[in-house]
N, C-alpha and C. Protein backbone atom coordinates (compact mmCIF):
# COMPACT_ATOMS: atom_id res chain seq x y z
N MET A 1 -72.95 7.39 -20.63
CA MET A 1 -72.07 6.81 -21.96
C MET A 1 -70.57 6.91 -21.54
N GLU A 2 -70.12 5.69 -21.84
CA GLU A 2 -68.53 5.92 -21.63
C GLU A 2 -67.89 6.66 -22.60
N THR A 3 -67.32 7.89 -22.73
CA THR A 3 -66.48 8.15 -23.81
C THR A 3 -65.08 8.47 -23.30
N LEU A 4 -63.87 8.30 -24.34
CA LEU A 4 -62.64 8.62 -24.28
C LEU A 4 -62.09 9.58 -25.35
N GLU A 5 -61.97 11.01 -24.57
CA GLU A 5 -61.26 11.73 -25.51
C GLU A 5 -59.45 12.19 -26.02
N PHE A 6 -59.21 11.98 -26.80
CA PHE A 6 -57.65 12.29 -27.29
C PHE A 6 -57.20 13.75 -27.48
N VAL A 7 -56.63 14.60 -26.83
CA VAL A 7 -56.06 15.76 -27.89
C VAL A 7 -54.82 15.32 -28.07
N ILE A 8 -54.58 15.57 -29.33
CA ILE A 8 -52.82 15.11 -29.34
C ILE A 8 -52.46 16.69 -30.27
N TYR A 9 -51.31 17.34 -29.63
CA TYR A 9 -50.70 18.51 -29.71
C TYR A 9 -50.27 18.24 -30.46
N PRO A 10 -49.36 19.96 -31.20
CA PRO A 10 -48.38 19.84 -32.06
C PRO A 10 -47.27 19.35 -31.50
N ASP A 11 -46.57 19.34 -30.63
CA ASP A 11 -45.66 18.62 -30.17
C ASP A 11 -45.31 17.46 -29.66
N GLY A 12 -46.37 16.39 -29.93
CA GLY A 12 -46.70 15.38 -29.80
C GLY A 12 -47.21 14.52 -28.14
N ARG A 13 -47.31 15.89 -27.48
CA ARG A 13 -48.22 15.06 -26.18
C ARG A 13 -49.67 14.97 -26.67
N VAL A 14 -50.49 13.74 -25.71
CA VAL A 14 -51.41 13.42 -25.76
C VAL A 14 -52.08 13.80 -24.60
N GLN A 15 -53.42 14.59 -24.98
CA GLN A 15 -54.14 14.37 -23.21
C GLN A 15 -55.75 13.47 -23.58
N GLU A 16 -55.88 13.00 -22.89
CA GLU A 16 -56.95 11.87 -22.66
C GLU A 16 -57.77 12.23 -21.50
N LYS A 17 -58.77 11.96 -21.90
CA LYS A 17 -60.31 12.50 -21.09
C LYS A 17 -60.82 11.16 -21.07
N VAL A 18 -61.73 11.05 -19.83
CA VAL A 18 -62.39 9.80 -19.76
C VAL A 18 -63.47 10.00 -19.31
N SER A 19 -64.72 10.31 -19.49
CA SER A 19 -66.20 10.64 -19.13
C SER A 19 -67.23 9.15 -18.91
N GLY A 20 -67.84 9.11 -18.10
CA GLY A 20 -69.16 8.24 -17.95
C GLY A 20 -68.37 6.61 -17.08
N ILE A 21 -67.40 6.67 -17.16
CA ILE A 21 -66.88 5.48 -15.83
C ILE A 21 -66.58 6.07 -14.83
N VAL A 22 -67.31 5.07 -13.73
CA VAL A 22 -67.26 5.74 -12.33
C VAL A 22 -66.26 5.07 -11.69
N GLY A 23 -65.47 5.39 -10.80
CA GLY A 23 -64.63 4.99 -9.95
C GLY A 23 -63.21 4.69 -10.80
N ALA A 24 -62.11 4.02 -9.97
CA ALA A 24 -61.24 3.27 -10.20
C ALA A 24 -61.12 2.41 -11.76
N THR A 25 -62.35 2.08 -12.25
CA THR A 25 -62.29 0.95 -13.70
C THR A 25 -61.69 1.92 -14.70
N CYS A 26 -61.71 3.27 -14.71
CA CYS A 26 -61.25 3.88 -16.32
C CYS A 26 -59.57 3.32 -16.06
N THR A 27 -59.01 3.53 -14.63
CA THR A 27 -57.62 3.04 -15.23
C THR A 27 -57.43 1.66 -15.86
N GLU A 28 -58.30 0.62 -15.59
CA GLU A 28 -58.12 -0.62 -16.22
C GLU A 28 -58.60 -0.40 -17.79
N VAL A 29 -59.24 0.45 -17.90
CA VAL A 29 -59.56 0.75 -19.42
C VAL A 29 -58.66 1.36 -20.39
N THR A 30 -57.87 2.34 -19.61
CA THR A 30 -56.95 3.14 -20.46
C THR A 30 -55.59 2.58 -20.19
N ALA A 31 -55.28 1.35 -19.82
CA ALA A 31 -53.93 1.20 -19.20
C ALA A 31 -52.94 0.66 -20.88
N ALA A 32 -53.72 -0.11 -21.42
CA ALA A 32 -53.63 -0.70 -22.65
C ALA A 32 -53.07 0.40 -23.44
N ILE A 33 -53.78 1.50 -23.61
CA ILE A 33 -53.67 2.93 -24.60
C ILE A 33 -52.52 3.60 -24.11
N GLU A 34 -52.65 3.83 -22.84
CA GLU A 34 -51.28 4.53 -22.22
C GLU A 34 -50.03 3.90 -22.39
N ALA A 35 -49.90 2.49 -22.31
CA ALA A 35 -49.07 1.53 -22.40
C ALA A 35 -48.20 1.85 -24.05
N GLU A 36 -49.07 2.18 -25.04
CA GLU A 36 -48.94 2.30 -26.27
C GLU A 36 -48.74 3.69 -26.61
N LEU A 37 -49.07 4.73 -26.05
CA LEU A 37 -48.92 5.79 -26.02
C LEU A 37 -47.34 6.58 -25.19
N GLY A 38 -47.06 5.57 -24.54
CA GLY A 38 -45.40 5.73 -23.82
C GLY A 38 -45.71 6.54 -22.66
N HIS A 39 -44.64 7.36 -22.02
CA HIS A 39 -44.34 7.95 -21.19
C HIS A 39 -45.72 8.80 -20.87
N VAL A 40 -46.54 8.76 -19.20
CA VAL A 40 -47.46 9.30 -18.66
C VAL A 40 -46.88 10.27 -17.50
N VAL A 41 -46.88 11.71 -18.15
CA VAL A 41 -46.47 12.80 -17.08
C VAL A 41 -47.50 12.96 -16.16
N SER A 42 -48.85 12.99 -16.29
CA SER A 42 -49.28 13.03 -15.37
C SER A 42 -51.01 12.42 -15.16
N HIS A 43 -51.76 12.84 -13.87
CA HIS A 43 -52.91 12.30 -14.02
C HIS A 43 -53.77 13.14 -13.27
N GLN A 44 -54.99 13.53 -13.50
CA GLN A 44 -55.66 14.64 -12.95
C GLN A 44 -56.92 13.63 -12.97
N PRO A 45 -57.39 12.94 -11.86
CA PRO A 45 -58.66 12.20 -11.63
C PRO A 45 -59.68 13.25 -11.50
N SER A 46 -60.72 12.52 -12.32
CA SER A 46 -62.02 13.56 -12.25
C SER A 46 -62.89 13.21 -10.97
N SER A 47 -64.07 14.04 -10.97
CA SER A 47 -64.88 13.45 -9.79
C SER A 47 -65.23 12.36 -10.12
N GLU A 48 -65.84 12.04 -11.29
CA GLU A 48 -66.09 10.17 -11.63
C GLU A 48 -64.94 9.39 -10.94
N PHE A 49 -64.23 9.66 -10.88
CA PHE A 49 -63.25 8.61 -10.39
C PHE A 49 -62.89 8.81 -8.60
N TYR A 50 -63.69 9.38 -7.68
CA TYR A 50 -64.11 9.20 -6.79
C TYR A 50 -65.11 8.91 -6.14
N ASN A 51 -66.13 8.57 -7.19
CA ASN A 51 -67.28 8.11 -6.65
C ASN A 51 -67.53 6.87 -6.69
N ALA A 52 -68.10 6.15 -5.98
CA ALA A 52 -68.12 4.32 -5.92
C ALA A 52 -69.22 3.86 -6.83
N VAL A 53 -68.69 3.04 -6.92
CA VAL A 53 -69.86 2.18 -7.69
C VAL A 53 -70.24 1.91 -6.81
N GLN A 54 -72.22 1.80 -6.99
CA GLN A 54 -73.40 1.73 -5.96
C GLN A 54 -73.47 0.03 -6.70
N HIS A 55 -73.57 -0.55 -6.08
CA HIS A 55 -74.27 -2.13 -6.13
C HIS A 55 -75.48 -1.96 -5.21
N GLN A 56 -76.82 -2.65 -5.81
CA GLN A 56 -78.08 -2.82 -4.99
C GLN A 56 -78.76 -4.05 -5.42
N SER A 57 -79.04 -4.67 -3.96
CA SER A 57 -79.01 -5.96 -3.94
C SER A 57 -80.48 -6.02 -2.87
N THR A 58 -81.25 -6.97 -3.40
CA THR A 58 -82.50 -7.18 -2.56
C THR A 58 -82.54 -8.30 -1.90
N VAL A 59 -82.98 -8.41 -0.56
CA VAL A 59 -82.90 -9.64 0.42
C VAL A 59 -84.39 -9.65 0.59
N ALA A 60 -84.90 -10.80 0.59
CA ALA A 60 -86.29 -11.21 1.08
C ALA A 60 -86.27 -12.20 2.10
N THR A 61 -86.78 -11.69 3.51
CA THR A 61 -86.46 -12.49 4.61
C THR A 61 -88.56 -13.20 5.16
N THR A 62 -88.67 -14.32 4.88
CA THR A 62 -89.87 -14.10 5.35
C THR A 62 -89.45 -15.22 6.91
N GLN A 63 -90.69 -15.25 7.52
CA GLN A 63 -90.77 -15.99 8.85
C GLN A 63 -92.08 -16.24 8.76
N ALA A 64 -92.55 -17.37 8.90
CA ALA A 64 -93.66 -18.22 9.65
C ALA A 64 -93.37 -18.57 11.05
N SER A 65 -94.57 -18.36 11.91
CA SER A 65 -95.15 -18.47 12.93
C SER A 65 -96.72 -19.02 13.13
N PHE A 66 -96.67 -20.29 13.95
CA PHE A 66 -97.83 -20.72 14.07
C PHE A 66 -98.36 -20.32 15.47
N SER A 67 -99.66 -20.08 15.86
CA SER A 67 -100.10 -20.29 17.08
C SER A 67 -101.13 -21.55 17.10
N GLU A 68 -101.17 -21.51 18.80
CA GLU A 68 -101.83 -22.75 19.42
C GLU A 68 -103.16 -22.28 19.56
N TRP A 69 -103.81 -21.30 19.12
CA TRP A 69 -105.15 -20.41 19.47
C TRP A 69 -105.95 -21.31 18.53
């Protein structure tokens, strides 16, 4: 499950926590929100950021051969 959590501190700082999004896709998801919030002071990528998105594909190869027997 993809979640975005925001902690708003009394001094106006906002801490954003993203979970459930694998790879750098989280930067695309949060870009518009961060632009509206203002100046980004720092980024601390989680372990999910460094995980690669795995794509699975199945390819079947068939080969027919005929014998003269």
